[in-house]
N, C-alpha and C. Protein backbone atom coordinates (compact mmCIF):
# COMPACT_ATOMS: atom_id res chain seq x y z
N MET A 1 189.42 157.48 133.66
CA MET A 1 190.00 156.28 133.10
C MET A 1 191.43 156.07 133.59
N PHE A 2 192.25 157.09 133.49
CA PHE A 2 193.64 156.98 133.94
C PHE A 2 193.70 156.67 135.43
N ARG A 3 192.85 157.35 136.21
CA ARG A 3 192.83 157.13 137.66
C ARG A 3 192.49 155.68 138.00
N GLU A 4 191.50 155.12 137.30
CA GLU A 4 191.11 153.73 137.56
C GLU A 4 192.24 152.77 137.18
N ASP A 5 192.90 153.02 136.05
CA ASP A 5 194.03 152.18 135.65
C ASP A 5 195.16 152.27 136.68
N TYR A 6 195.40 153.45 137.18
CA TYR A 6 196.43 153.65 138.19
C TYR A 6 196.10 152.85 139.45
N ILE A 7 194.85 152.94 139.90
CA ILE A 7 194.44 152.21 141.10
C ILE A 7 194.54 150.70 140.86
N MET A 8 194.11 150.25 139.70
CA MET A 8 194.21 148.82 139.38
C MET A 8 195.66 148.35 139.45
N ASN A 9 196.56 149.14 138.91
CA ASN A 9 197.98 148.78 138.95
C ASN A 9 198.52 148.77 140.37
N GLN A 10 198.10 149.74 141.18
CA GLN A 10 198.53 149.78 142.57
C GLN A 10 198.05 148.55 143.33
N ILE A 11 196.81 148.16 143.08
CA ILE A 11 196.24 146.96 143.72
C ILE A 11 197.05 145.73 143.33
N GLU A 12 197.33 145.60 142.05
CA GLU A 12 198.09 144.45 141.57
C GLU A 12 199.49 144.41 142.18
N LEU A 13 200.17 145.55 142.22
CA LEU A 13 201.51 145.60 142.81
C LEU A 13 201.48 145.27 144.30
N LEU A 14 200.51 145.81 145.01
CA LEU A 14 200.43 145.57 146.45
C LEU A 14 200.14 144.10 146.75
N THR A 15 199.22 143.48 146.01
CA THR A 15 198.92 142.07 146.26
C THR A 15 200.13 141.19 145.93
N ARG A 16 200.82 141.49 144.85
CA ARG A 16 202.02 140.71 144.50
C ARG A 16 203.10 140.85 145.56
N ASN A 17 203.34 142.09 146.01
CA ASN A 17 204.37 142.31 147.02
C ASN A 17 204.03 141.64 148.34
N LEU A 18 202.78 141.72 148.75
CA LEU A 18 202.38 141.05 149.98
C LEU A 18 202.56 139.54 149.87
N ALA A 19 202.19 138.99 148.73
CA ALA A 19 202.36 137.55 148.52
C ALA A 19 203.83 137.17 148.62
N LYS A 20 204.69 137.98 148.06
CA LYS A 20 206.12 137.68 148.11
C LYS A 20 206.64 137.76 149.54
N VAL A 21 206.14 138.70 150.31
CA VAL A 21 206.57 138.83 151.71
C VAL A 21 206.04 137.67 152.54
N ILE A 22 204.76 137.34 152.36
CA ILE A 22 204.13 136.30 153.19
C ILE A 22 204.53 134.90 152.73
N PHE A 23 204.43 134.65 151.43
CA PHE A 23 204.59 133.30 150.91
C PHE A 23 205.91 133.08 150.18
N HIS A 24 206.68 134.15 149.98
CA HIS A 24 207.96 134.10 149.27
C HIS A 24 207.79 133.63 147.82
N LYS A 25 206.62 133.92 147.26
CA LYS A 25 206.34 133.60 145.85
C LYS A 25 205.09 134.35 145.43
N GLU A 26 204.68 134.15 144.18
CA GLU A 26 203.43 134.76 143.71
C GLU A 26 202.28 134.26 144.57
N ILE A 27 201.13 134.91 144.44
CA ILE A 27 199.97 134.49 145.22
C ILE A 27 199.65 133.04 144.86
N PRO A 28 199.74 132.15 145.85
CA PRO A 28 199.46 130.75 145.56
C PRO A 28 197.98 130.53 145.25
N THR A 29 197.71 129.49 144.51
CA THR A 29 196.33 129.10 144.24
C THR A 29 195.71 128.58 145.52
N VAL A 30 194.45 128.91 145.74
CA VAL A 30 193.74 128.38 146.91
C VAL A 30 193.32 126.96 146.59
N GLU A 31 193.79 126.03 147.39
CA GLU A 31 193.46 124.62 147.19
C GLU A 31 192.13 124.34 147.88
N ILE A 32 191.14 123.94 147.10
CA ILE A 32 189.82 123.63 147.66
C ILE A 32 189.87 122.28 148.38
N ILE A 33 190.54 121.32 147.77
CA ILE A 33 190.65 119.97 148.33
C ILE A 33 192.02 119.82 148.97
N ASN A 34 192.05 119.35 150.22
CA ASN A 34 193.33 119.17 150.90
C ASN A 34 193.98 117.84 150.52
N GLU A 35 195.13 117.56 151.12
CA GLU A 35 195.89 116.36 150.77
C GLU A 35 195.15 115.06 151.12
N ASN A 36 194.14 115.14 152.00
CA ASN A 36 193.36 113.96 152.36
C ASN A 36 192.12 113.79 151.48
N GLY A 37 191.97 114.64 150.48
CA GLY A 37 190.83 114.55 149.59
C GLY A 37 189.57 115.20 150.13
N LEU A 38 189.71 115.97 151.20
CA LEU A 38 188.57 116.63 151.82
C LEU A 38 188.60 118.12 151.50
N ILE A 39 187.43 118.75 151.54
CA ILE A 39 187.37 120.19 151.33
C ILE A 39 187.97 120.87 152.55
N SER A 40 188.95 121.71 152.30
CA SER A 40 189.60 122.42 153.41
C SER A 40 188.72 123.58 153.87
N GLY A 41 188.94 124.03 155.08
CA GLY A 41 188.20 125.18 155.60
C GLY A 41 188.43 126.42 154.75
N GLU A 42 189.67 126.62 154.33
CA GLU A 42 189.99 127.77 153.49
C GLU A 42 189.37 127.62 152.11
N GLY A 43 189.34 126.39 151.61
CA GLY A 43 188.72 126.13 150.31
C GLY A 43 187.23 126.41 150.35
N LEU A 44 186.59 126.01 151.44
CA LEU A 44 185.16 126.27 151.61
C LEU A 44 184.90 127.78 151.70
N LEU A 45 185.73 128.49 152.45
CA LEU A 45 185.61 129.94 152.55
C LEU A 45 185.77 130.59 151.18
N PHE A 46 186.77 130.17 150.43
CA PHE A 46 187.01 130.74 149.11
C PHE A 46 185.80 130.50 148.20
N HIS A 47 185.24 129.31 148.28
CA HIS A 47 184.06 128.99 147.49
C HIS A 47 182.87 129.89 147.89
N ARG A 48 182.67 130.07 149.18
CA ARG A 48 181.60 130.95 149.67
C ARG A 48 181.80 132.39 149.20
N LEU A 49 183.04 132.85 149.23
CA LEU A 49 183.35 134.21 148.77
C LEU A 49 183.00 134.36 147.29
N ASN A 50 183.36 133.37 146.50
CA ASN A 50 183.07 133.42 145.06
C ASN A 50 181.57 133.45 144.80
N ILE A 51 180.82 132.68 145.55
CA ILE A 51 179.36 132.69 145.39
C ILE A 51 178.80 134.07 145.74
N LEU A 52 179.27 134.64 146.85
CA LEU A 52 178.79 135.97 147.25
C LEU A 52 179.12 137.01 146.19
N VAL A 53 180.31 136.94 145.61
CA VAL A 53 180.69 137.89 144.57
C VAL A 53 179.80 137.70 143.34
N GLU A 54 179.57 136.46 142.96
CA GLU A 54 178.70 136.19 141.81
C GLU A 54 177.30 136.74 142.04
N GLN A 55 176.84 136.70 143.28
CA GLN A 55 175.52 137.22 143.62
C GLN A 55 175.51 138.74 143.76
N GLY A 56 176.68 139.36 143.69
CA GLY A 56 176.77 140.81 143.81
C GLY A 56 176.91 141.29 145.24
N ASN A 57 177.21 140.39 146.16
CA ASN A 57 177.33 140.73 147.58
C ASN A 57 178.80 140.85 147.99
N ILE A 58 179.52 141.74 147.33
CA ILE A 58 180.95 141.88 147.60
C ILE A 58 181.20 142.40 149.01
N ASN A 59 180.39 143.34 149.47
CA ASN A 59 180.58 143.85 150.84
C ASN A 59 180.41 142.75 151.87
N GLU A 60 179.43 141.90 151.67
CA GLU A 60 179.21 140.78 152.58
C GLU A 60 180.40 139.82 152.54
N ALA A 61 180.92 139.57 151.34
CA ALA A 61 182.09 138.69 151.20
C ALA A 61 183.29 139.28 151.93
N GLU A 62 183.51 140.58 151.76
CA GLU A 62 184.63 141.23 152.44
C GLU A 62 184.46 141.15 153.96
N ASN A 63 183.26 141.37 154.45
CA ASN A 63 183.01 141.27 155.89
C ASN A 63 183.32 139.86 156.39
N LEU A 64 182.98 138.87 155.60
CA LEU A 64 183.25 137.48 155.97
C LEU A 64 184.75 137.23 156.10
N ILE A 65 185.51 137.76 155.18
CA ILE A 65 186.98 137.59 155.25
C ILE A 65 187.52 138.16 156.56
N PHE A 66 187.13 139.39 156.87
CA PHE A 66 187.69 140.03 158.06
C PHE A 66 187.17 139.39 159.35
N GLU A 67 185.97 138.83 159.30
CA GLU A 67 185.46 138.09 160.46
C GLU A 67 186.33 136.85 160.70
N GLU A 68 186.67 136.16 159.63
CA GLU A 68 187.53 134.97 159.74
C GLU A 68 188.94 135.36 160.20
N LEU A 69 189.47 136.44 159.65
CA LEU A 69 190.82 136.86 160.01
C LEU A 69 190.93 137.38 161.45
N LYS A 70 189.80 137.82 161.99
CA LYS A 70 189.81 138.32 163.37
C LYS A 70 190.23 137.22 164.34
N ASP A 71 189.79 136.00 164.07
CA ASP A 71 190.08 134.88 164.97
C ASP A 71 191.31 134.08 164.56
N ASN A 72 191.70 134.19 163.29
CA ASN A 72 192.79 133.35 162.80
C ASN A 72 193.40 134.01 161.57
N ASN A 73 194.62 134.50 161.70
CA ASN A 73 195.27 135.11 160.53
C ASN A 73 196.37 134.20 160.00
N SER A 74 196.01 132.93 159.80
CA SER A 74 196.97 131.96 159.27
C SER A 74 197.35 132.32 157.84
N ASN A 75 198.45 131.77 157.40
CA ASN A 75 198.89 132.00 156.02
C ASN A 75 197.83 131.56 155.02
N GLU A 76 197.11 130.49 155.34
CA GLU A 76 196.08 130.00 154.42
C GLU A 76 194.95 131.01 154.27
N LEU A 77 194.53 131.63 155.37
CA LEU A 77 193.47 132.64 155.29
C LEU A 77 193.97 133.91 154.61
N LEU A 78 195.19 134.28 154.86
CA LEU A 78 195.76 135.44 154.18
C LEU A 78 195.85 135.19 152.68
N GLN A 79 196.17 133.97 152.32
CA GLN A 79 196.22 133.58 150.91
C GLN A 79 194.83 133.73 150.28
N VAL A 80 193.79 133.29 150.97
CA VAL A 80 192.42 133.43 150.48
C VAL A 80 192.08 134.91 150.31
N ALA A 81 192.44 135.72 151.29
CA ALA A 81 192.13 137.16 151.24
C ALA A 81 192.82 137.82 150.05
N LEU A 82 194.09 137.53 149.85
CA LEU A 82 194.80 138.14 148.72
C LEU A 82 194.23 137.68 147.39
N ARG A 83 193.91 136.41 147.28
CA ARG A 83 193.32 135.89 146.05
C ARG A 83 191.95 136.54 145.80
N PHE A 84 191.19 136.76 146.87
CA PHE A 84 189.88 137.42 146.77
C PHE A 84 190.03 138.83 146.19
N TYR A 85 190.94 139.60 146.74
CA TYR A 85 191.13 140.96 146.24
C TYR A 85 191.72 140.98 144.84
N GLU A 86 192.57 140.02 144.54
CA GLU A 86 193.10 139.92 143.19
C GLU A 86 191.96 139.68 142.19
N GLN A 87 191.04 138.81 142.54
CA GLN A 87 189.91 138.54 141.66
C GLN A 87 188.98 139.74 141.55
N LEU A 88 188.75 140.44 142.66
CA LEU A 88 187.91 141.64 142.59
C LEU A 88 188.50 142.67 141.66
N ASN A 89 189.81 142.78 141.68
CA ASN A 89 190.48 143.77 140.85
C ASN A 89 190.29 143.49 139.36
N LYS A 90 190.00 142.24 139.01
CA LYS A 90 189.78 141.87 137.62
C LYS A 90 188.36 142.19 137.14
N LEU A 91 187.46 142.51 138.07
CA LEU A 91 186.10 142.86 137.68
C LEU A 91 186.09 144.22 137.00
N SER A 92 185.13 144.40 136.14
CA SER A 92 185.01 145.69 135.44
C SER A 92 184.52 146.76 136.42
N ASP A 93 184.78 148.00 136.09
CA ASP A 93 184.30 149.11 136.91
C ASP A 93 182.78 149.08 137.00
N GLU A 94 182.12 148.72 135.90
CA GLU A 94 180.66 148.65 135.88
C GLU A 94 180.14 147.60 136.85
N ARG A 95 180.79 146.43 136.86
CA ARG A 95 180.38 145.35 137.77
C ARG A 95 180.58 145.78 139.22
N LEU A 96 181.70 146.39 139.52
CA LEU A 96 181.95 146.86 140.88
C LEU A 96 180.89 147.88 141.29
N LEU A 97 180.58 148.79 140.40
CA LEU A 97 179.58 149.81 140.69
C LEU A 97 178.22 149.17 140.96
N LEU A 98 177.84 148.19 140.15
CA LEU A 98 176.57 147.48 140.37
C LEU A 98 176.52 146.79 141.73
N CYS A 99 177.69 146.40 142.21
CA CYS A 99 177.79 145.70 143.50
C CYS A 99 178.06 146.66 144.66
N ASP A 100 177.98 147.96 144.37
CA ASP A 100 178.22 148.99 145.39
C ASP A 100 179.60 148.83 146.02
N PHE A 101 180.61 148.68 145.16
CA PHE A 101 181.98 148.52 145.60
C PHE A 101 182.86 149.33 144.66
N SER A 102 184.08 149.64 145.10
CA SER A 102 184.96 150.46 144.28
C SER A 102 186.39 149.93 144.35
N ARG A 103 187.20 150.39 143.43
CA ARG A 103 188.63 150.04 143.44
C ARG A 103 189.30 150.57 144.71
N GLU A 104 188.86 151.74 145.17
CA GLU A 104 189.42 152.29 146.40
C GLU A 104 189.17 151.36 147.57
N GLU A 105 187.99 150.72 147.59
CA GLU A 105 187.69 149.78 148.66
C GLU A 105 188.56 148.52 148.55
N ILE A 106 188.87 148.12 147.34
CA ILE A 106 189.78 146.99 147.15
C ILE A 106 191.15 147.36 147.73
N LEU A 107 191.62 148.53 147.39
CA LEU A 107 192.91 149.01 147.90
C LEU A 107 192.89 149.12 149.42
N ASP A 108 191.80 149.63 149.98
CA ASP A 108 191.66 149.72 151.44
C ASP A 108 191.71 148.34 152.08
N GLY A 109 191.05 147.37 151.45
CA GLY A 109 191.04 146.01 151.99
C GLY A 109 192.43 145.39 152.00
N ILE A 110 193.15 145.57 150.91
CA ILE A 110 194.51 145.03 150.84
C ILE A 110 195.40 145.72 151.86
N THR A 111 195.21 147.01 152.03
CA THR A 111 195.99 147.75 153.04
C THR A 111 195.69 147.20 154.43
N ALA A 112 194.44 146.87 154.70
CA ALA A 112 194.07 146.29 155.99
C ALA A 112 194.71 144.91 156.16
N ILE A 113 194.75 144.13 155.10
CA ILE A 113 195.42 142.82 155.15
C ILE A 113 196.91 143.01 155.45
N LYS A 114 197.50 144.00 154.83
CA LYS A 114 198.92 144.30 155.07
C LYS A 114 199.16 144.61 156.55
N LYS A 115 198.26 145.38 157.17
CA LYS A 115 198.41 145.70 158.59
C LYS A 115 198.29 144.47 159.46
N ILE A 116 197.41 143.55 159.08
CA ILE A 116 197.26 142.30 159.83
C ILE A 116 198.57 141.51 159.75
N CYS A 117 199.19 141.51 158.58
CA CYS A 117 200.46 140.78 158.39
C CYS A 117 201.58 141.36 159.23
N GLU A 118 201.52 142.67 159.47
CA GLU A 118 202.58 143.36 160.21
C GLU A 118 202.48 143.13 161.71
N LYS A 119 201.38 142.60 162.18
CA LYS A 119 201.21 142.38 163.63
C LYS A 119 202.00 141.21 164.11
């Protein structure tokens, strides 16, 4: 129990710090609709990620994020990635286990995002 709480806190601190470094503020909300009233590419990706998580396909969702980041590591995609991991961190341990995912994997994902930001 203590270990899981510690990891959850580390995940939260890391995502907040990365957001402050990248965006100079808290993790911004992912805007699904852009200023022209159209669904943005990042908004569509975020929606797809949420559907995959709801279906229990967290590993597939994570793979999708890194596939997108491989070709484009824009601030908007980094924002989606951080918001994704922030939301995963809010899931219960039981839900993560059912989805064959762990808090350590969340931490690993955020660490990988951090490395992408450092490039």
